[in-house]
Amino acid sequence: MSQPSYFDEINTLFGTIAEAFALEGDALARALEDGSMTLERGEDQDGNRFVAATLERDGSRRTARIFKDAIHHEGEATGEGTV
């Protein structure tokens, strides 16, 4: 029995979030569990949907917008920091 496609999409999303913050899978899971990482849905001015992932750790706060084919880190120009 194969998994529904949304499981694959969730795995891809979590993998991309881990990549955006240079985290291993277990560190990402801990950050989500302890609340140091939050996820929000959003849409840019062009109607492109994204997930905003914010990591607060050791007094710093970093946010990345995860689009279908790109990662944009908060504070970077649109063309920079895209994976």
Protein backbone atom coordinates (compact mmCIF):
# COMPACT_ATOMS: atom_id res chain seq x y z
CA MET A 1 0.00 0.00 0.00
CA SER A 2 1.47 3.34 -1.01
CA GLN A 3 1.30 6.48 1.09
CA PRO A 4 -0.96 9.33 -0.04
CA SER A 5 0.93 12.07 -1.86
CA TYR A 6 0.49 14.53 1.00
CA PHE A 7 2.92 12.46 3.10
CA ASP A 8 5.51 12.97 0.36
CA GLU A 9 4.72 16.68 0.29
CA ILE A 10 5.12 16.97 4.07
CA ASN A 11 8.43 15.08 3.95
CA THR A 12 9.64 17.38 1.17
CA LEU A 13 8.56 20.47 3.12
CA PHE A 14 10.33 19.34 6.30
CA GLY A 15 13.45 18.45 4.30
CA THR A 16 13.46 21.90 2.71
CA ILE A 17 12.96 23.61 6.08
CA ALA A 18 15.84 21.60 7.54
CA GLU A 19 17.99 22.66 4.56
CA ALA A 20 17.01 26.33 4.99
CA PHE A 21 18.27 26.32 8.59
CA ALA A 22 21.10 23.77 8.13
CA LEU A 23 19.46 21.40 10.63
CA GLU A 24 19.50 17.62 10.81
CA GLY A 25 16.09 15.92 10.90
CA ASP A 26 16.17 15.23 14.63
CA ALA A 27 17.12 18.85 15.40
CA LEU A 28 14.23 20.08 13.25
CA ALA A 29 11.84 17.75 15.07
CA ARG A 30 13.07 19.01 18.47
CA ALA A 31 12.70 22.66 17.37
CA LEU A 32 9.12 22.03 16.28
CA GLU A 33 8.30 20.08 19.43
CA ASP A 34 9.77 22.61 21.87
CA GLY A 35 8.24 25.58 20.05
CA SER A 36 11.50 27.27 19.06
CA MET A 37 10.38 26.91 15.43
CA THR A 38 7.00 28.07 14.21
CA LEU A 39 5.36 27.60 10.82
CA GLU A 40 2.81 29.88 9.16
CA ARG A 41 1.17 29.85 5.77
CA GLY A 42 1.46 32.96 3.65
CA GLU A 43 1.09 34.43 0.19
CA ASP A 44 3.32 37.02 -1.48
CA GLN A 45 2.17 40.05 -3.46
CA ASP A 46 2.08 37.95 -6.65
CA GLY A 47 -0.21 35.30 -5.13
CA ASN A 48 2.55 32.71 -4.65
CA ARG A 49 1.95 30.61 -1.55
CA PHE A 50 4.71 29.85 0.93
CA VAL A 51 5.37 28.53 4.42
CA ALA A 52 7.15 30.97 6.72
CA ALA A 53 9.42 29.08 9.11
CA THR A 54 10.82 31.05 12.04
CA LEU A 55 13.52 29.69 14.32
CA GLU A 56 14.25 31.42 17.64
CA ARG A 57 17.33 30.10 19.36
CA ASP A 58 20.11 31.51 21.54
CA GLY A 59 18.66 35.03 21.41
CA SER A 60 18.49 35.17 17.63
CA ARG A 61 15.51 34.94 15.30
CA ARG A 62 15.70 33.76 11.68
CA THR A 63 12.87 33.42 9.21
CA ALA A 64 12.77 31.69 5.84
CA ARG A 65 9.94 31.69 3.33
CA ILE A 66 9.65 28.26 1.75
CA PHE A 67 8.14 28.39 -1.74
CA LYS A 68 7.54 25.39 -3.98
CA ASP A 69 10.88 25.82 -5.77
CA ALA A 70 12.77 28.33 -3.64
CA ILE A 71 13.88 29.40 -0.18
CA HIS A 72 14.03 33.11 0.64
CA HIS A 73 15.65 34.14 3.90
CA GLU A 74 14.22 37.20 5.63
CA GLY A 75 16.26 40.30 4.94
CA GLU A 76 17.64 39.09 1.61
CA ALA A 77 16.79 40.49 -1.79
CA THR A 78 14.37 38.36 -3.83
CA GLY A 79 17.08 37.04 -6.16
CA GLU A 80 19.56 36.27 -3.39
CA GLY A 81 19.59 33.31 -1.07
CA THR A 82 17.37 31.24 -3.32
CA VAL A 83 17.87 27.53 -3.43
